[in-house]
Amino acid sequence: MTARKPRYSKEEMERRGTEIYESKIRSQVEEGNHGRIVAIDIETEAFEMADETLEAVKRLYDRVPDAQPWILRIGHRAVFRFPRIVFHND
């Protein structure tokens, strides 16, 4: 297994990934793919889409082995959703 290390700060990854998605990818993928995952290489602008995060990233690494992936869920502000936990004081 190849050890991959980020070459950018989290802030730079987010900035570049979001910019690429909004300017070049969104119009290609948004219709009919709500909730799917997009993995974007912030250096080459290559992207892959899948139903699961790991699959999208794996496909991206298969195409661009040295990718710096930024991951988005189409139509959502966050990739993951945490369940709501309700505590009762009985």
N, C-alpha and C. Protein backbone atom coordinates (compact mmCIF):
# COMPACT_ATOMS: atom_id res chain seq x y z
N MET A 1 0.84 -1.18 0.00
CA MET A 1 0.00 0.00 0.00
C MET A 1 0.88 1.24 0.00
N THR A 2 0.53 2.21 -0.80
CA THR A 2 1.28 3.44 -0.92
C THR A 2 0.86 4.42 0.18
N ALA A 3 1.84 4.97 0.86
CA ALA A 3 1.54 6.00 1.87
C ALA A 3 1.42 7.34 1.16
N ARG A 4 0.26 7.95 1.27
CA ARG A 4 0.03 9.24 0.62
C ARG A 4 -0.06 10.31 1.68
N LYS A 5 0.58 11.44 1.42
CA LYS A 5 0.57 12.54 2.37
C LYS A 5 0.03 13.78 1.69
N PRO A 6 -0.77 14.55 2.41
CA PRO A 6 -1.27 15.79 1.83
C PRO A 6 -0.14 16.79 1.63
N ARG A 7 -0.21 17.51 0.52
CA ARG A 7 0.78 18.53 0.22
C ARG A 7 0.23 19.94 0.45
N TYR A 8 -1.01 20.01 0.93
CA TYR A 8 -1.67 21.30 1.13
C TYR A 8 -2.35 21.31 2.49
N SER A 9 -2.58 22.50 3.00
CA SER A 9 -3.33 22.62 4.26
C SER A 9 -4.79 22.25 3.99
N LYS A 10 -5.53 21.97 5.05
CA LYS A 10 -6.95 21.66 4.91
C LYS A 10 -7.69 22.83 4.27
N GLU A 11 -7.31 24.02 4.65
CA GLU A 11 -7.96 25.22 4.12
C GLU A 11 -7.72 25.37 2.61
N GLU A 12 -6.48 25.10 2.18
CA GLU A 12 -6.15 25.19 0.77
C GLU A 12 -6.84 24.08 -0.02
N MET A 13 -6.91 22.88 0.55
CA MET A 13 -7.62 21.78 -0.10
C MET A 13 -9.08 22.15 -0.31
N GLU A 14 -9.71 22.68 0.73
CA GLU A 14 -11.11 23.07 0.64
C GLU A 14 -11.32 24.17 -0.38
N ARG A 15 -10.47 25.19 -0.33
CA ARG A 15 -10.60 26.31 -1.26
C ARG A 15 -10.50 25.85 -2.71
N ARG A 16 -9.46 25.10 -3.00
CA ARG A 16 -9.23 24.65 -4.38
C ARG A 16 -10.29 23.65 -4.82
N GLY A 17 -10.61 22.69 -3.96
CA GLY A 17 -11.61 21.68 -4.32
C GLY A 17 -12.97 22.29 -4.59
N THR A 18 -13.39 23.20 -3.72
CA THR A 18 -14.69 23.86 -3.88
C THR A 18 -14.70 24.71 -5.15
N GLU A 19 -13.62 25.43 -5.40
CA GLU A 19 -13.53 26.27 -6.60
C GLU A 19 -13.62 25.43 -7.87
N ILE A 20 -12.89 24.31 -7.92
CA ILE A 20 -12.93 23.43 -9.08
C ILE A 20 -14.34 22.85 -9.26
N TYR A 21 -14.94 22.41 -8.17
CA TYR A 21 -16.28 21.83 -8.26
C TYR A 21 -17.27 22.86 -8.80
N GLU A 22 -17.28 24.05 -8.23
CA GLU A 22 -18.25 25.07 -8.63
C GLU A 22 -18.03 25.54 -10.07
N SER A 23 -16.79 25.69 -10.50
CA SER A 23 -16.53 26.26 -11.82
C SER A 23 -16.48 25.24 -12.95
N LYS A 24 -16.15 23.97 -12.65
CA LYS A 24 -15.92 23.02 -13.75
C LYS A 24 -16.67 21.70 -13.66
N ILE A 25 -17.09 21.31 -12.47
CA ILE A 25 -17.65 19.96 -12.32
C ILE A 25 -19.14 19.96 -12.04
N ARG A 26 -19.59 20.89 -11.23
CA ARG A 26 -20.98 20.89 -10.76
C ARG A 26 -21.99 20.75 -11.89
N SER A 27 -21.84 21.53 -12.95
CA SER A 27 -22.80 21.48 -14.06
C SER A 27 -22.81 20.14 -14.78
N GLN A 28 -21.73 19.37 -14.67
CA GLN A 28 -21.63 18.06 -15.32
C GLN A 28 -22.27 16.95 -14.50
N VAL A 29 -22.31 17.11 -13.17
CA VAL A 29 -22.69 15.98 -12.32
C VAL A 29 -23.95 16.18 -11.49
N GLU A 30 -24.37 17.41 -11.27
CA GLU A 30 -25.40 17.64 -10.28
C GLU A 30 -26.76 17.02 -10.63
N GLU A 31 -27.20 17.15 -11.86
CA GLU A 31 -28.51 16.64 -12.23
C GLU A 31 -28.54 15.11 -12.16
N GLY A 32 -29.47 14.61 -11.37
CA GLY A 32 -29.67 13.16 -11.25
C GLY A 32 -28.70 12.43 -10.35
N ASN A 33 -27.80 13.14 -9.68
CA ASN A 33 -26.80 12.49 -8.83
C ASN A 33 -26.81 12.98 -7.39
N HIS A 34 -27.91 13.56 -6.96
CA HIS A 34 -28.02 14.09 -5.60
C HIS A 34 -27.64 13.02 -4.56
N GLY A 35 -26.71 13.37 -3.68
CA GLY A 35 -26.29 12.45 -2.63
C GLY A 35 -25.08 11.60 -2.97
N ARG A 36 -24.70 11.55 -4.23
CA ARG A 36 -23.51 10.78 -4.61
C ARG A 36 -22.25 11.55 -4.21
N ILE A 37 -21.12 10.86 -4.22
CA ILE A 37 -19.84 11.41 -3.80
C ILE A 37 -18.99 11.75 -5.03
N VAL A 38 -18.32 12.91 -4.97
CA VAL A 38 -17.35 13.30 -6.00
C VAL A 38 -16.00 13.46 -5.32
N ALA A 39 -14.98 12.77 -5.84
CA ALA A 39 -13.61 12.94 -5.38
C ALA A 39 -12.86 13.70 -6.48
N ILE A 40 -12.28 14.84 -6.11
CA ILE A 40 -11.62 15.73 -7.06
C ILE A 40 -10.14 15.83 -6.73
N ASP A 41 -9.29 15.64 -7.73
CA ASP A 41 -7.86 15.90 -7.53
C ASP A 41 -7.66 17.40 -7.71
N ILE A 42 -7.24 18.08 -6.67
CA ILE A 42 -7.13 19.54 -6.72
C ILE A 42 -5.95 20.01 -7.57
N GLU A 43 -5.09 19.11 -8.02
CA GLU A 43 -3.98 19.50 -8.88
C GLU A 43 -4.31 19.33 -10.37
N THR A 44 -4.90 18.22 -10.75
CA THR A 44 -5.18 17.95 -12.17
C THR A 44 -6.62 18.26 -12.55
N GLU A 45 -7.49 18.44 -11.57
CA GLU A 45 -8.93 18.67 -11.75
C GLU A 45 -9.65 17.43 -12.25
N ALA A 46 -8.98 16.28 -12.25
CA ALA A 46 -9.65 15.02 -12.57
C ALA A 46 -10.63 14.72 -11.43
N PHE A 47 -11.72 14.02 -11.76
CA PHE A 47 -12.67 13.66 -10.71
C PHE A 47 -13.30 12.31 -11.01
N GLU A 48 -13.79 11.70 -9.96
CA GLU A 48 -14.52 10.44 -10.05
C GLU A 48 -15.74 10.55 -9.16
N MET A 49 -16.79 9.85 -9.53
CA MET A 49 -18.04 9.89 -8.78
C MET A 49 -18.44 8.45 -8.44
N ALA A 50 -19.01 8.27 -7.24
CA ALA A 50 -19.47 6.96 -6.79
C ALA A 50 -20.51 7.16 -5.70
N ASP A 51 -21.13 6.07 -5.29
CA ASP A 51 -22.12 6.13 -4.21
C ASP A 51 -21.46 6.18 -2.83
N GLU A 52 -20.24 5.68 -2.74
CA GLU A 52 -19.51 5.63 -1.47
C GLU A 52 -18.19 6.38 -1.58
N THR A 53 -17.78 6.99 -0.48
CA THR A 53 -16.55 7.80 -0.44
C THR A 53 -15.33 7.00 -0.85
N LEU A 54 -15.13 5.83 -0.26
CA LEU A 54 -13.93 5.05 -0.55
C LEU A 54 -13.86 4.63 -2.01
N GLU A 55 -14.99 4.31 -2.60
CA GLU A 55 -15.00 3.92 -4.00
C GLU A 55 -14.62 5.09 -4.91
N ALA A 56 -15.15 6.28 -4.63
CA ALA A 56 -14.80 7.45 -5.44
C ALA A 56 -13.31 7.76 -5.35
N VAL A 57 -12.76 7.70 -4.14
CA VAL A 57 -11.34 7.98 -3.95
C VAL A 57 -10.48 6.90 -4.61
N LYS A 58 -10.88 5.64 -4.48
CA LYS A 58 -10.12 4.55 -5.12
C LYS A 58 -10.09 4.74 -6.63
N ARG A 59 -11.22 5.07 -7.23
CA ARG A 59 -11.26 5.30 -8.68
C ARG A 59 -10.36 6.47 -9.07
N LEU A 60 -10.35 7.51 -8.26
CA LEU A 60 -9.49 8.66 -8.54
C LEU A 60 -8.02 8.26 -8.46
N TYR A 61 -7.64 7.52 -7.42
CA TYR A 61 -6.25 7.07 -7.30
C TYR A 61 -5.87 6.11 -8.43
N ASP A 62 -6.82 5.32 -8.93
CA ASP A 62 -6.53 4.44 -10.06
C ASP A 62 -6.15 5.27 -11.30
N ARG A 63 -6.81 6.40 -11.47
CA ARG A 63 -6.53 7.29 -12.61
C ARG A 63 -5.34 8.19 -12.36
N VAL A 64 -5.25 8.72 -11.13
CA VAL A 64 -4.20 9.69 -10.78
C VAL A 64 -3.55 9.22 -9.47
N PRO A 65 -2.56 8.36 -9.57
CA PRO A 65 -1.98 7.75 -8.37
C PRO A 65 -1.47 8.73 -7.31
N ASP A 66 -1.06 9.91 -7.72
CA ASP A 66 -0.51 10.89 -6.78
C ASP A 66 -1.53 12.00 -6.48
N ALA A 67 -2.81 11.69 -6.62
CA ALA A 67 -3.88 12.69 -6.45
C ALA A 67 -3.89 13.28 -5.05
N GLN A 68 -4.38 14.50 -4.98
CA GLN A 68 -4.64 15.21 -3.73
C GLN A 68 -6.16 15.40 -3.68
N PRO A 69 -6.91 14.39 -3.16
CA PRO A 69 -8.36 14.41 -3.30
C PRO A 69 -9.09 15.32 -2.32
N TRP A 70 -10.08 16.01 -2.86
CA TRP A 70 -11.07 16.75 -2.07
C TRP A 70 -12.39 16.06 -2.36
N ILE A 71 -13.19 15.80 -1.32
CA ILE A 71 -14.40 15.00 -1.46
C ILE A 71 -15.63 15.84 -1.13
N LEU A 72 -16.63 15.74 -2.00
CA LEU A 72 -17.90 16.44 -1.81
C LEU A 72 -19.06 15.49 -2.01
N ARG A 73 -20.16 15.75 -1.31
CA ARG A 73 -21.41 15.02 -1.56
C ARG A 73 -22.29 15.96 -2.38
N ILE A 74 -22.72 15.50 -3.52
CA ILE A 74 -23.51 16.33 -4.45
C ILE A 74 -24.82 16.75 -3.79
N GLY A 75 -25.05 18.07 -3.77
CA GLY A 75 -26.27 18.63 -3.23
C GLY A 75 -26.30 18.80 -1.72
N HIS A 76 -25.16 18.58 -1.05
CA HIS A 76 -25.07 18.71 0.41
C HIS A 76 -23.89 19.59 0.78
N ARG A 77 -23.95 20.18 1.95
CA ARG A 77 -22.83 20.98 2.44
C ARG A 77 -21.75 20.12 3.07
N ALA A 78 -22.08 18.92 3.49
CA ALA A 78 -21.12 18.05 4.15
C ALA A 78 -21.12 16.66 3.50
N VAL A 79 -19.99 15.98 3.59
CA VAL A 79 -19.89 14.63 3.04
C VAL A 79 -20.63 13.65 3.93
N PHE A 80 -20.42 13.76 5.24
CA PHE A 80 -21.02 12.83 6.19
C PHE A 80 -22.10 13.51 7.02
N ARG A 81 -23.09 12.73 7.40
CA ARG A 81 -24.17 13.23 8.24
C ARG A 81 -24.14 12.40 9.52
N PHE A 82 -24.17 13.07 10.63
CA PHE A 82 -24.17 12.38 11.91
C PHE A 82 -25.60 12.24 12.39
N PRO A 83 -25.94 11.08 12.92
CA PRO A 83 -27.31 10.89 13.41
C PRO A 83 -27.58 11.79 14.61
N ARG A 84 -28.80 12.20 14.72
CA ARG A 84 -29.20 13.01 15.86
C ARG A 84 -29.39 12.10 17.07
N ILE A 85 -28.76 12.45 18.14
CA ILE A 85 -28.85 11.66 19.37
C ILE A 85 -29.72 12.42 20.36
N VAL A 86 -30.70 11.74 20.87
CA VAL A 86 -31.62 12.35 21.83
C VAL A 86 -31.38 11.70 23.19
N PHE A 87 -31.14 12.53 24.18
CA PHE A 87 -30.94 12.04 25.54
C PHE A 87 -32.19 12.35 26.35
N HIS A 88 -32.62 11.40 27.12
CA HIS A 88 -33.79 11.59 27.99
C HIS A 88 -33.33 11.61 29.42
N ASN A 89 -33.85 12.52 30.19
CA ASN A 89 -33.56 12.60 31.61
C ASN A 89 -34.73 12.03 32.38
N ASP A 90 -34.80 10.72 32.43
CA ASP A 90 -35.90 10.07 33.15
C ASP A 90 -35.55 9.83 34.59
